[in-house]
Amino acid sequence: MSAEYVLRTQNLTKTFGQHKAVDNVSMNVRKGDIYGLIGKNGAGKTTFLKMVTGLAKPTQGAIELFGKKDVQSGVELQRKRIGCLVEEPGYYPGMTALDNLEIVRRNLGIAEKNITREMLDFVKLSDAGKKKVRNFSMGMKQRLGIAVSLIRNPDFLVLDEPINGLDPSGIKEIRDLMIKLNRERQITILISSHILGELSKIATRYGIIRDGALIEEFDAETLGDRCKRCQKVVVDDPARAAKILEDRFGIHNYDVPDRHVIRIFERYDEAENINNAFVMGGVALRESMLVGQDLEGYFMDLLGGDHRT
C-alpha cells in the first residue's frame, strides 16, 4: 500500500436480498484529490459512501483507509480521520448553529471550546447569530453540516450530494468552500453528485458509477482531452499529412494519438479543404469526422445515454 492513497476499496459489494446496490467496486482516492463520484440517482453512490464511512457493513470486499485495511491494523481508528456528510444532516431545528455545534463538540469529547466558533467562521455562518436552524436556507444547512463534519479536523472529507437542491448562489458557496478546504487545509475530498457541470469545476479525478458498478476512473486532464473538439482523420501516412497541415495551412495544434490517426484542434470550418489537400498531396484519407462533445454529453454517454438525472 502506497501512502499516497487515502482510500482504496477492493471488490466492495453491498447486497440487499437479490439486488446488488454496490457491485465489486475497486476505487482509488489519492491524497490531495477532489474525487468526483458521478452517477444517476439510485446508482449506488450513497450506499458506497456509507460503507466507506462505517455507516453500513459491506456484504463482501475490503476497505483500505490511510494504509489500514482490517480491524487488527486499525481501520476503525482511521475512520476518526474522516469527516462525513451523508444523506440529510441531523440537526436540532429549534437551536442555533452555534448550539448545534456545541452539542457535537461535547459528544465527541473535544476540549477546545473555540473550535465551534472557528468552524462557523470558516463556513461563513458566524453572522447567523440567534437564528434557529429551522429558519436556515438549504445552503446554510449544508454549510452547517460541513461545519459538523470538520469539527474533528479531518484529513479526509466524504460528502454525499452536498449541492443537491441548492440555488446557483448556494452551489457557488459550497463549491468555493470545497476548493478552500482542499487547498488551504490540504483535505482530500470524495464528493458524490449528479450535477455534472458544477462537479467538473472542482474535481481533480473522477469515478463513474452505473448500476452499482464503477465503470471507469480518470483524471481531469484526461476528461478535458476526451471532450476536446477536433477534426479526427484516419490516414495511411500521418507524417506526410502533418507536413501538409504545417506547410499548407500553418496548423500546428494537432496530435497523432496512434499510427494512423491525426486530431486537428483548430480551423474546423476548413475540414473539406484540409481533406482535399491530403488527397492531392498523396495521402490516402480513410476517414474524417468532427468529434468531441460537452462535458455533460460525455458523462451522460458513460452513464447510459439518458440525459435525465
C-alpha atoms as a PDB file:
ATOM      1  CA  MET A   1       0.000   0.000   0.000  1.00  0.00           C
ATOM      2  CA  SER A   2       1.383   3.377  -1.018  1.00  0.00           C
ATOM      3  CA  ALA A   3       0.989   6.231   1.463  1.00  0.00           C
ATOM      4  CA  GLU A   4      -0.283   8.424  -1.380  1.00  0.00           C
ATOM      5  CA  TYR A   5      -3.695   6.768  -1.198  1.00  0.00           C
ATOM      6  CA  VAL A   6      -6.256   7.926   1.343  1.00  0.00           C
ATOM      7  CA  LEU A   7      -8.877   5.386   0.262  1.00  0.00           C
ATOM      8  CA  ARG A   8      -8.719   2.168  -1.692  1.00  0.00           C
ATOM      9  CA  THR A   9     -11.526  -0.347  -1.994  1.00  0.00           C
ATOM     10  CA  GLN A  10     -11.279  -3.825  -3.422  1.00  0.00           C
ATOM     11  CA  ASN A  11     -14.366  -5.529  -4.870  1.00  0.00           C
ATOM     12  CA  LEU A  12     -16.598  -3.695  -2.403  1.00  0.00           C
ATOM     13  CA  THR A  13     -20.124  -5.069  -2.632  1.00  0.00           C
ATOM     14  CA  LYS A  14     -23.419  -4.451  -0.859  1.00  0.00           C
ATOM     15  CA  THR A  15     -26.379  -6.715  -1.475  1.00  0.00           C
ATOM     16  CA  PHE A  16     -29.967  -6.213  -0.363  1.00  0.00           C
ATOM     17  CA  GLY A  17     -31.762  -9.501  -0.981  1.00  0.00           C
ATOM     18  CA  GLN A  18     -31.167 -10.296  -4.653  1.00  0.00           C
ATOM     19  CA  HIS A  19     -30.235  -6.702  -5.521  1.00  0.00           C
ATOM     20  CA  LYS A  20     -26.601  -5.582  -5.703  1.00  0.00           C
ATOM     21  CA  ALA A  21     -26.666  -1.916  -4.727  1.00  0.00           C
ATOM     22  CA  VAL A  22     -22.863  -1.764  -4.994  1.00  0.00           C
ATOM     23  CA  ASP A  23     -21.192  -4.274  -7.289  1.00  0.00           C
ATOM     24  CA  ASN A  24     -17.494  -5.123  -6.834  1.00  0.00           C
ATOM     25  CA  VAL A  25     -16.254  -1.535  -6.689  1.00  0.00           C
ATOM     26  CA  SER A  26     -12.477  -1.061  -6.628  1.00  0.00           C
ATOM     27  CA  MET A  27     -11.768   2.658  -6.167  1.00  0.00           C
ATOM     28  CA  ASN A  28      -8.577   4.634  -5.590  1.00  0.00           C
ATOM     29  CA  VAL A  29      -8.618   8.093  -3.977  1.00  0.00           C
ATOM     30  CA  ARG A  30      -5.193   9.698  -3.760  1.00  0.00           C
ATOM     31  CA  LYS A  31      -4.052  12.154  -1.123  1.00  0.00           C
ATOM     32  CA  GLY A  32      -4.947  15.671  -2.248  1.00  0.00           C
ATOM     33  CA  ASP A  33      -7.697  14.613  -4.647  1.00  0.00           C
ATOM     34  CA  ILE A  34     -11.073  16.201  -5.017  1.00  0.00           C
ATOM     35  CA  TYR A  35     -12.592  12.979  -6.270  1.00  0.00           C
ATOM     36  CA  GLY A  36     -15.964  13.282  -8.001  1.00  0.00           C
ATOM     37  CA  LEU A  37     -18.114  10.155  -7.797  1.00  0.00           C
ATOM     38  CA  ILE A  38     -20.649  10.540 -10.593  1.00  0.00           C
ATOM     39  CA  GLY A  39     -23.806   8.542 -11.063  1.00  0.00           C
ATOM     40  CA  LYS A  40     -27.525   8.870 -11.552  1.00  0.00           C
ATOM     41  CA  ASN A  41     -29.869   8.758  -8.589  1.00  0.00           C
ATOM     42  CA  GLY A  42     -30.051   5.129  -7.462  1.00  0.00           C
ATOM     43  CA  ALA A  43     -26.687   4.211  -8.981  1.00  0.00           C
ATOM     44  CA  GLY A  44     -25.239   3.184  -5.603  1.00  0.00           C
ATOM     45  CA  LYS A  45     -23.327   6.339  -4.626  1.00  0.00           C
ATOM     46  CA  THR A  46     -24.836   6.777  -1.153  1.00  0.00           C
ATOM     47  CA  THR A  47     -24.557   3.085  -0.259  1.00  0.00           C
ATOM     48  CA  PHE A  48     -20.912   3.094  -1.283  1.00  0.00           C
ATOM     49  CA  LEU A  49     -20.158   6.182   0.823  1.00  0.00           C
ATOM     50  CA  LYS A  50     -21.956   4.670   3.815  1.00  0.00           C
ATOM     51  CA  MET A  51     -19.676   1.638   3.660  1.00  0.00           C
ATOM     52  CA  VAL A  52     -16.572   3.812   3.406  1.00  0.00           C
ATOM     53  CA  THR A  53     -17.588   5.872   6.445  1.00  0.00           C
ATOM     54  CA  GLY A  54     -18.702   2.891   8.529  1.00  0.00           C
ATOM     55  CA  LEU A  55     -22.435   3.627   8.371  1.00  0.00           C
ATOM     56  CA  ALA A  56     -23.123   0.371   6.513  1.00  0.00           C
ATOM     57  CA  LYS A  57     -21.394  -3.007   6.524  1.00  0.00           C
ATOM     58  CA  PRO A  58     -20.167  -4.427   3.204  1.00  0.00           C
ATOM     59  CA  THR A  59     -21.510  -7.755   2.041  1.00  0.00           C
ATOM     60  CA  GLN A  60     -18.040  -8.505   0.723  1.00  0.00           C
ATOM     61  CA  GLY A  61     -14.842  -6.774  -0.305  1.00  0.00           C
ATOM     62  CA  ALA A  62     -12.221  -4.714   1.515  1.00  0.00           C
ATOM     63  CA  ILE A  63     -11.789  -1.062   2.506  1.00  0.00           C
ATOM     64  CA  GLU A  64      -8.331   0.416   2.991  1.00  0.00           C
ATOM     65  CA  LEU A  65      -8.025   3.801   4.749  1.00  0.00           C
ATOM     66  CA  PHE A  66      -4.675   5.547   5.091  1.00  0.00           C
ATOM     67  CA  GLY A  67      -2.963   2.191   4.546  1.00  0.00           C
ATOM     68  CA  LYS A  68      -5.049   0.213   7.045  1.00  0.00           C
ATOM     69  CA  LYS A  69      -7.444  -2.400   5.721  1.00  0.00           C
ATOM     70  CA  ASP A  70      -8.636  -4.612   8.544  1.00  0.00           C
ATOM     71  CA  VAL A  71      -9.769  -4.371  12.152  1.00  0.00           C
ATOM     72  CA  GLN A  72      -6.456  -5.655  13.502  1.00  0.00           C
ATOM     73  CA  SER A  73      -4.471  -2.934  11.726  1.00  0.00           C
ATOM     74  CA  GLY A  74      -6.821  -0.224  12.918  1.00  0.00           C
ATOM     75  CA  VAL A  75      -9.148   0.684  10.056  1.00  0.00           C
ATOM     76  CA  GLU A  76     -11.756   1.838  12.592  1.00  0.00           C
ATOM     77  CA  LEU A  77      -9.233   4.165  14.168  1.00  0.00           C
ATOM     78  CA  GLN A  78      -8.557   5.616  10.724  1.00  0.00           C
ATOM     79  CA  ARG A  79     -12.242   6.475  10.386  1.00  0.00           C
ATOM     80  CA  LYS A  80     -11.689   9.076  13.101  1.00  0.00           C
ATOM     81  CA  ARG A  81      -9.709  10.947  10.462  1.00  0.00           C
ATOM     82  CA  ILE A  82     -12.813  11.160   8.255  1.00  0.00           C
ATOM     83  CA  GLY A  83     -15.428  13.883   8.285  1.00  0.00           C
ATOM     84  CA  CYS A  84     -18.647  12.975   6.527  1.00  0.00           C
ATOM     85  CA  LEU A  85     -21.948  14.408   5.408  1.00  0.00           C
ATOM     86  CA  VAL A  86     -24.047  11.549   4.066  1.00  0.00           C
ATOM     87  CA  GLU A  87     -27.755  11.981   3.318  1.00  0.00           C
ATOM     88  CA  GLU A  88     -29.776  14.507   5.352  1.00  0.00           C
ATOM     89  CA  PRO A  89     -27.751  16.005   8.226  1.00  0.00           C
ATOM     90  CA  GLY A  90     -29.305  15.691  11.678  1.00  0.00           C
ATOM     91  CA  TYR A  91     -29.922  18.984  13.468  1.00  0.00           C
ATOM     92  CA  TYR A  92     -31.847  20.357  16.420  1.00  0.00           C
ATOM     93  CA  PRO A  93     -34.094  22.709  14.413  1.00  0.00           C
ATOM     94  CA  GLY A  94     -35.083  24.850  17.407  1.00  0.00           C
ATOM     95  CA  MET A  95     -31.471  25.671  18.251  1.00  0.00           C
ATOM     96  CA  THR A  96     -28.877  27.964  16.703  1.00  0.00           C
ATOM     97  CA  ALA A  97     -25.945  26.832  14.584  1.00  0.00           C
ATOM     98  CA  LEU A  98     -23.580  27.515  17.479  1.00  0.00           C
ATOM     99  CA  ASP A  99     -25.683  25.468  19.906  1.00  0.00           C
ATOM    100  CA  ASN A 100     -25.828  22.572  17.435  1.00  0.00           C
ATOM    101  CA  LEU A 101     -22.063  22.593  17.048  1.00  0.00           C
ATOM    102  CA  GLU A 102     -21.586  22.801  20.819  1.00  0.00           C
ATOM    103  CA  ILE A 103     -23.604  19.610  21.271  1.00  0.00           C
ATOM    104  CA  VAL A 104     -21.468  17.834  18.673  1.00  0.00           C
ATOM    105  CA  ARG A 105     -18.261  19.091  20.294  1.00  0.00           C
ATOM    106  CA  ARG A 106     -19.281  17.821  23.719  1.00  0.00           C
ATOM    107  CA  ASN A 107     -20.496  14.471  22.408  1.00  0.00           C
ATOM    108  CA  LEU A 108     -17.151  13.935  20.669  1.00  0.00           C
ATOM    109  CA  GLY A 109     -15.239  14.906  23.789  1.00  0.00           C
ATOM    110  CA  ILE A 110     -13.414  17.780  22.099  1.00  0.00           C
ATOM    111  CA  ALA A 111     -11.963  20.009  24.810  1.00  0.00           C
ATOM    112  CA  GLU A 112     -11.185  23.013  22.625  1.00  0.00           C
ATOM    113  CA  LYS A 113     -14.218  25.283  23.065  1.00  0.00           C
ATOM    114  CA  ASN A 114     -13.164  27.790  20.416  1.00  0.00           C
ATOM    115  CA  ILE A 115     -13.448  25.148  17.688  1.00  0.00           C
ATOM    116  CA  THR A 116     -17.208  25.759  17.288  1.00  0.00           C
ATOM    117  CA  ARG A 117     -16.834  29.447  16.508  1.00  0.00           C
ATOM    118  CA  GLU A 118     -13.832  28.706  14.304  1.00  0.00           C
ATOM    119  CA  MET A 119     -15.918  26.276  12.246  1.00  0.00           C
ATOM    120  CA  LEU A 120     -18.802  28.753  11.956  1.00  0.00           C
ATOM    121  CA  ASP A 121     -16.370  31.399  10.740  1.00  0.00           C
ATOM    122  CA  PHE A 122     -14.865  29.017   8.238  1.00  0.00           C
ATOM    123  CA  VAL A 123     -18.210  28.095   6.639  1.00  0.00           C
ATOM    124  CA  LYS A 124     -19.404  31.716   6.859  1.00  0.00           C
ATOM    125  CA  LEU A 125     -22.192  31.131   9.377  1.00  0.00           C
ATOM    126  CA  SER A 126     -20.838  33.303  12.179  1.00  0.00           C
ATOM    127  CA  ASP A 127     -23.350  36.027  11.320  1.00  0.00           C
ATOM    128  CA  ALA A 128     -26.318  33.646  11.738  1.00  0.00           C
ATOM    129  CA  GLY A 129     -26.480  34.766  15.381  1.00  0.00           C
ATOM    130  CA  LYS A 130     -29.609  33.620  17.225  1.00  0.00           C
ATOM    131  CA  LYS A 131     -31.374  32.454  14.072  1.00  0.00           C
ATOM    132  CA  LYS A 132     -32.812  28.979  14.564  1.00  0.00           C
ATOM    133  CA  VAL A 133     -31.705  26.226  12.188  1.00  0.00           C
ATOM    134  CA  ARG A 134     -35.333  25.615  11.185  1.00  0.00           C
ATOM    135  CA  ASN A 135     -35.227  29.022   9.528  1.00  0.00           C
ATOM    136  CA  PHE A 136     -31.995  28.388   7.622  1.00  0.00           C
ATOM    137  CA  SER A 137     -31.902  28.207   3.844  1.00  0.00           C
ATOM    138  CA  MET A 138     -30.876  24.910   2.253  1.00  0.00           C
ATOM    139  CA  GLY A 139     -27.429  26.321   1.579  1.00  0.00           C
ATOM    140  CA  MET A 140     -26.988  27.408   5.205  1.00  0.00           C
ATOM    141  CA  LYS A 141     -27.998  23.939   6.391  1.00  0.00           C
ATOM    142  CA  GLN A 142     -25.473  22.341   4.058  1.00  0.00           C
ATOM    143  CA  ARG A 143     -22.731  24.643   5.318  1.00  0.00           C
ATOM    144  CA  LEU A 144     -23.674  23.782   8.903  1.00  0.00           C
ATOM    145  CA  GLY A 145     -23.466  20.096   8.006  1.00  0.00           C
ATOM    146  CA  ILE A 146     -19.994  20.643   6.600  1.00  0.00           C
ATOM    147  CA  ALA A 147     -19.010  22.521   9.776  1.00  0.00           C
ATOM    148  CA  VAL A 148     -20.117  19.481  11.803  1.00  0.00           C
ATOM    149  CA  SER A 149     -18.061  17.190   9.545  1.00  0.00           C
ATOM    150  CA  LEU A 150     -14.982  19.390  10.043  1.00  0.00           C
ATOM    151  CA  ILE A 151     -15.100  19.687  13.825  1.00  0.00           C
ATOM    152  CA  ARG A 152     -12.597  16.854  14.369  1.00  0.00           C
ATOM    153  CA  ASN A 153     -10.172  18.437  11.888  1.00  0.00           C
ATOM    154  CA  PRO A 154     -10.329  15.506   9.433  1.00  0.00           C
ATOM    155  CA  ASP A 155      -7.788  14.595   6.768  1.00  0.00           C
ATOM    156  CA  PHE A 156     -10.488  13.123   4.510  1.00  0.00           C
ATOM    157  CA  LEU A 157     -13.947  14.575   3.845  1.00  0.00           C
ATOM    158  CA  VAL A 158     -16.775  12.476   2.377  1.00  0.00           C
ATOM    159  CA  LEU A 159     -19.783  14.403   1.046  1.00  0.00           C
ATOM    160  CA  ASP A 160     -22.923  12.918  -0.457  1.00  0.00           C
ATOM    161  CA  GLU A 161     -24.667  15.257  -2.944  1.00  0.00           C
ATOM    162  CA  PRO A 162     -23.821  18.449  -0.991  1.00  0.00           C
ATOM    163  CA  ILE A 163     -25.090  20.747  -3.776  1.00  0.00           C
ATOM    164  CA  ASN A 164     -28.316  18.889  -4.489  1.00  0.00           C
ATOM    165  CA  GLY A 165     -31.338  21.202  -4.226  1.00  0.00           C
ATOM    166  CA  LEU A 166     -29.306  24.392  -3.877  1.00  0.00           C
ATOM    167  CA  ASP A 167     -29.829  27.550  -5.901  1.00  0.00           C
ATOM    168  CA  PRO A 168     -26.908  28.892  -8.018  1.00  0.00           C
ATOM    169  CA  SER A 169     -25.719  31.091  -5.155  1.00  0.00           C
ATOM    170  CA  GLY A 170     -25.715  28.182  -2.711  1.00  0.00           C
ATOM    171  CA  ILE A 171     -23.928  25.947  -5.202  1.00  0.00           C
ATOM    172  CA  LYS A 172     -21.161  28.506  -5.636  1.00  0.00           C
ATOM    173  CA  GLU A 173     -20.773  28.855  -1.861  1.00  0.00           C
ATOM    174  CA  ILE A 174     -20.304  25.105  -1.428  1.00  0.00           C
ATOM    175  CA  ARG A 175     -18.007  24.912  -4.462  1.00  0.00           C
ATOM    176  CA  ASP A 176     -15.782  27.691  -3.125  1.00  0.00           C
ATOM    177  CA  LEU A 177     -15.730  26.035   0.295  1.00  0.00           C
ATOM    178  CA  MET A 178     -14.574  22.712  -1.188  1.00  0.00           C
ATOM    179  CA  ILE A 179     -11.722  24.415  -3.026  1.00  0.00           C
ATOM    180  CA  LYS A 180     -10.721  26.271   0.147  1.00  0.00           C
ATOM    181  CA  LEU A 181     -10.722  23.083   2.232  1.00  0.00           C
ATOM    182  CA  ASN A 182      -8.640  21.254  -0.331  1.00  0.00           C
ATOM    183  CA  ARG A 183      -6.094  23.993  -0.956  1.00  0.00           C
ATOM    184  CA  GLU A 184      -5.769  25.677   2.428  1.00  0.00           C
ATOM    185  CA  ARG A 185      -6.297  22.718   4.748  1.00  0.00           C
ATOM    186  CA  GLN A 186      -4.975  20.012   2.406  1.00  0.00           C
ATOM    187  CA  ILE A 187      -8.107  17.931   2.974  1.00  0.00           C
ATOM    188  CA  THR A 188      -8.726  15.142   0.491  1.00  0.00           C
ATOM    189  CA  ILE A 189     -12.373  15.163  -0.613  1.00  0.00           C
ATOM    190  CA  LEU A 190     -14.647  12.462  -2.002  1.00  0.00           C
ATOM    191  CA  ILE A 191     -17.834  14.071  -3.270  1.00  0.00           C
ATOM    192  CA  SER A 192     -20.759  12.372  -4.973  1.00  0.00           C
ATOM    193  CA  SER A 193     -23.030  14.227  -7.350  1.00  0.00           C
ATOM    194  CA  HIS A 194     -25.099  14.062 -10.496  1.00  0.00           C
ATOM    195  CA  ILE A 195     -24.741  17.817 -11.167  1.00  0.00           C
ATOM    196  CA  LEU A 196     -22.013  17.329 -13.709  1.00  0.00           C
ATOM    197  CA  GLY A 197     -21.260  20.878 -14.785  1.00  0.00           C
ATOM    198  CA  GLU A 198     -20.582  22.010 -11.225  1.00  0.00           C
ATOM    199  CA  LEU A 199     -18.518  18.996 -10.267  1.00  0.00           C
ATOM    200  CA  SER A 200     -16.297  19.483 -13.314  1.00  0.00           C
ATOM    201  CA  LYS A 201     -15.283  22.908 -11.950  1.00  0.00           C
ATOM    202  CA  ILE A 202     -13.573  21.470  -8.869  1.00  0.00           C
ATOM    203  CA  ALA A 203     -12.817  17.753  -9.309  1.00  0.00           C
ATOM    204  CA  THR A 204      -9.273  16.588  -9.995  1.00  0.00           C
ATOM    205  CA  ARG A 205     -10.291  12.955 -10.502  1.00  0.00           C
ATOM    206  CA  TYR A 206     -13.495  11.132 -11.367  1.00  0.00           C
ATOM    207  CA  GLY A 207     -15.163   7.778 -10.886  1.00  0.00           C
ATOM    208  CA  ILE A 208     -18.234   6.800 -12.914  1.00  0.00           C
ATOM    209  CA  ILE A 209     -20.709   4.515 -11.168  1.00  0.00           C
ATOM    210  CA  ARG A 210     -23.549   2.874 -13.081  1.00  0.00           C
ATOM    211  CA  ASP A 211     -25.970   0.267 -11.729  1.00  0.00           C
ATOM    212  CA  GLY A 212     -23.743  -0.188  -8.687  1.00  0.00           C
ATOM    213  CA  ALA A 213     -20.554  -0.819 -10.669  1.00  0.00           C
ATOM    214  CA  LEU A 214     -17.592   1.533 -11.055  1.00  0.00           C
ATOM    215  CA  ILE A 215     -17.121   1.535 -14.815  1.00  0.00           C
ATOM    216  CA  GLU A 216     -14.154   3.911 -15.093  1.00  0.00           C
ATOM    217  CA  GLU A 217     -11.755   6.212 -13.211  1.00  0.00           C
ATOM    218  CA  PHE A 218      -9.848   9.073 -14.864  1.00  0.00           C
ATOM    219  CA  ASP A 219      -8.299  12.430 -14.009  1.00  0.00           C
ATOM    220  CA  ALA A 220      -9.400  15.929 -15.010  1.00  0.00           C
ATOM    221  CA  GLU A 221      -6.728  16.201 -17.691  1.00  0.00           C
ATOM    222  CA  THR A 222      -7.982  13.034 -19.369  1.00  0.00           C
ATOM    223  CA  LEU A 223     -11.530  14.337 -19.240  1.00  0.00           C
ATOM    224  CA  GLY A 224     -10.507  17.592 -20.900  1.00  0.00           C
ATOM    225  CA  ASP A 225      -8.690  15.688 -23.606  1.00  0.00           C
ATOM    226  CA  ARG A 226     -11.643  13.397 -24.292  1.00  0.00           C
ATOM    227  CA  CYS A 227     -14.064  16.291 -24.599  1.00  0.00           C
ATOM    228  CA  LYS A 228     -11.808  18.389 -26.802  1.00  0.00           C
ATOM    229  CA  ARG A 229     -13.442  19.381 -30.074  1.00  0.00           C
ATOM    230  CA  CYS A 230     -11.349  18.346 -33.071  1.00  0.00           C
ATOM    231  CA  GLN A 231     -11.263  17.067 -36.635  1.00  0.00           C
ATOM    232  CA  LYS A 232     -10.207  13.441 -36.496  1.00  0.00           C
ATOM    233  CA  VAL A 233      -8.725  11.980 -39.671  1.00  0.00           C
ATOM    234  CA  VAL A 234      -7.571   8.438 -40.365  1.00  0.00           C
ATOM    235  CA  VAL A 235      -4.784   8.309 -42.954  1.00  0.00           C
ATOM    236  CA  ASP A 236      -2.124   5.949 -44.247  1.00  0.00           C
ATOM    237  CA  ASP A 237       0.782   8.358 -43.714  1.00  0.00           C
ATOM    238  CA  PRO A 238       0.421  10.662 -40.670  1.00  0.00           C
ATOM    239  CA  ALA A 239       3.892  12.156 -41.132  1.00  0.00           C
ATOM    240  CA  ARG A 240       3.084  13.341 -44.655  1.00  0.00           C
ATOM    241  CA  ALA A 241      -0.337  14.577 -43.512  1.00  0.00           C
ATOM    242  CA  ALA A 242       1.286  16.535 -40.670  1.00  0.00           C
ATOM    243  CA  LYS A 243       3.700  18.202 -43.091  1.00  0.00           C
ATOM    244  CA  ILE A 244       0.736  19.284 -45.268  1.00  0.00           C
ATOM    245  CA  LEU A 245      -1.016  20.752 -42.224  1.00  0.00           C
ATOM    246  CA  GLU A 246       2.034  22.774 -41.277  1.00  0.00           C
ATOM    247  CA  ASP A 247       3.262  23.834 -44.744  1.00  0.00           C
ATOM    248  CA  ARG A 248      -0.062  24.422 -46.478  1.00  0.00           C
ATOM    249  CA  PHE A 249      -2.277  25.648 -43.644  1.00  0.00           C
ATOM    250  CA  GLY A 250       0.115  26.764 -40.916  1.00  0.00           C
ATOM    251  CA  ILE A 251      -1.616  24.415 -38.468  1.00  0.00           C
ATOM    252  CA  HIS A 252       0.497  23.243 -35.529  1.00  0.00           C
ATOM    253  CA  ASN A 253      -2.239  22.474 -32.973  1.00  0.00           C
ATOM    254  CA  TYR A 254      -2.634  18.774 -33.714  1.00  0.00           C
ATOM    255  CA  ASP A 255      -1.543  15.441 -32.301  1.00  0.00           C
ATOM    256  CA  VAL A 256      -1.020  11.877 -33.518  1.00  0.00           C
ATOM    257  CA  PRO A 257      -2.534   9.591 -30.828  1.00  0.00           C
ATOM    258  CA  ASP A 258      -1.798   6.422 -32.835  1.00  0.00           C
ATOM    259  CA  ARG A 259      -0.081   5.468 -36.062  1.00  0.00           C
ATOM    260  CA  HIS A 260      -2.994   6.196 -38.405  1.00  0.00           C
ATOM    261  CA  VAL A 261      -4.897   8.986 -36.627  1.00  0.00           C
ATOM    262  CA  ILE A 262      -4.368  12.745 -36.548  1.00  0.00           C
ATOM    263  CA  ARG A 263      -6.507  15.052 -34.409  1.00  0.00           C
ATOM    264  CA  ILE A 264      -6.652  18.675 -35.529  1.00  0.00           C
ATOM    265  CA  PHE A 265      -7.721  21.136 -32.829  1.00  0.00           C
ATOM    266  CA  GLU A 266      -8.313  24.279 -34.893  1.00  0.00           C
ATOM    267  CA  ARG A 267      -9.969  25.577 -38.095  1.00  0.00           C
ATOM    268  CA  TYR A 268     -12.803  23.025 -38.166  1.00  0.00           C
ATOM    269  CA  ASP A 269     -14.573  25.081 -40.868  1.00  0.00           C
ATOM    270  CA  GLU A 270     -11.743  24.218 -43.277  1.00  0.00           C
ATOM    271  CA  ALA A 271     -12.109  20.456 -42.894  1.00  0.00           C
ATOM    272  CA  GLU A 272     -13.098  19.965 -46.542  1.00  0.00           C
ATOM    273  CA  ASN A 273     -10.107  21.950 -47.819  1.00  0.00           C
ATOM    274  CA  ILE A 274      -7.774  20.063 -45.489  1.00  0.00           C
ATOM    275  CA  ASN A 275      -9.128  16.720 -46.669  1.00  0.00           C
ATOM    276  CA  ASN A 276      -8.689  17.729 -50.325  1.00  0.00           C
ATOM    277  CA  ALA A 277      -5.116  18.835 -49.626  1.00  0.00           C
ATOM    278  CA  PHE A 278      -4.336  15.461 -48.081  1.00  0.00           C
ATOM    279  CA  VAL A 279      -5.632  13.633 -51.156  1.00  0.00           C
ATOM    280  CA  MET A 280      -3.823  15.955 -53.579  1.00  0.00           C
ATOM    281  CA  GLY A 281      -0.655  15.518 -51.543  1.00  0.00           C
ATOM    282  CA  GLY A 282      -0.707  11.750 -51.908  1.00  0.00           C
ATOM    283  CA  VAL A 283      -2.179  10.895 -48.501  1.00  0.00           C
ATOM    284  CA  ALA A 284      -4.799   8.138 -48.529  1.00  0.00           C
ATOM    285  CA  LEU A 285      -7.722   9.524 -46.493  1.00  0.00           C
ATOM    286  CA  ARG A 286      -9.713   6.701 -44.948  1.00  0.00           C
ATOM    287  CA  GLU A 287     -11.951   8.658 -42.574  1.00  0.00           C
ATOM    288  CA  SER A 288     -12.622  12.242 -41.491  1.00  0.00           C
ATOM    289  CA  MET A 289     -15.040  13.459 -38.845  1.00  0.00           C
ATOM    290  CA  LEU A 290     -15.636  16.140 -36.240  1.00  0.00           C
ATOM    291  CA  VAL A 291     -15.515  14.653 -32.743  1.00  0.00           C
ATOM    292  CA  GLY A 292     -15.759  15.865 -29.158  1.00  0.00           C
ATOM    293  CA  GLN A 293     -18.679  16.973 -27.046  1.00  0.00           C
ATOM    294  CA  ASP A 294     -19.556  18.992 -23.983  1.00  0.00           C
ATOM    295  CA  LEU A 295     -18.879  17.588 -20.534  1.00  0.00           C
ATOM    296  CA  GLU A 296     -22.494  16.780 -19.754  1.00  0.00           C
ATOM    297  CA  GLY A 297     -22.946  14.910 -23.020  1.00  0.00           C
ATOM    298  CA  TYR A 298     -19.792  12.912 -22.390  1.00  0.00           C
ATOM    299  CA  PHE A 299     -20.785  11.991 -18.839  1.00  0.00           C
ATOM    300  CA  MET A 300     -24.293  11.049 -19.884  1.00  0.00           C
ATOM    301  CA  ASP A 301     -22.961   8.731 -22.551  1.00  0.00           C
ATOM    302  CA  LEU A 302     -20.915   6.996 -19.849  1.00  0.00           C
ATOM    303  CA  LEU A 303     -23.906   6.846 -17.541  1.00  0.00           C
ATOM    304  CA  GLY A 304     -26.050   5.172 -20.165  1.00  0.00           C
ATOM    305  CA  GLY A 305     -27.117   7.821 -22.669  1.00  0.00           C
ATOM    306  CA  ASP A 306     -30.212   9.008 -20.785  1.00  0.00           C
ATOM    307  CA  HIS A 307     -29.845  12.716 -20.007  1.00  0.00           C
ATOM    308  CA  ARG A 308     -32.279  12.601 -17.122  1.00  0.00           C
ATOM    309  CA  THR A 309     -30.815  12.511 -13.620  1.00  0.00           C
END
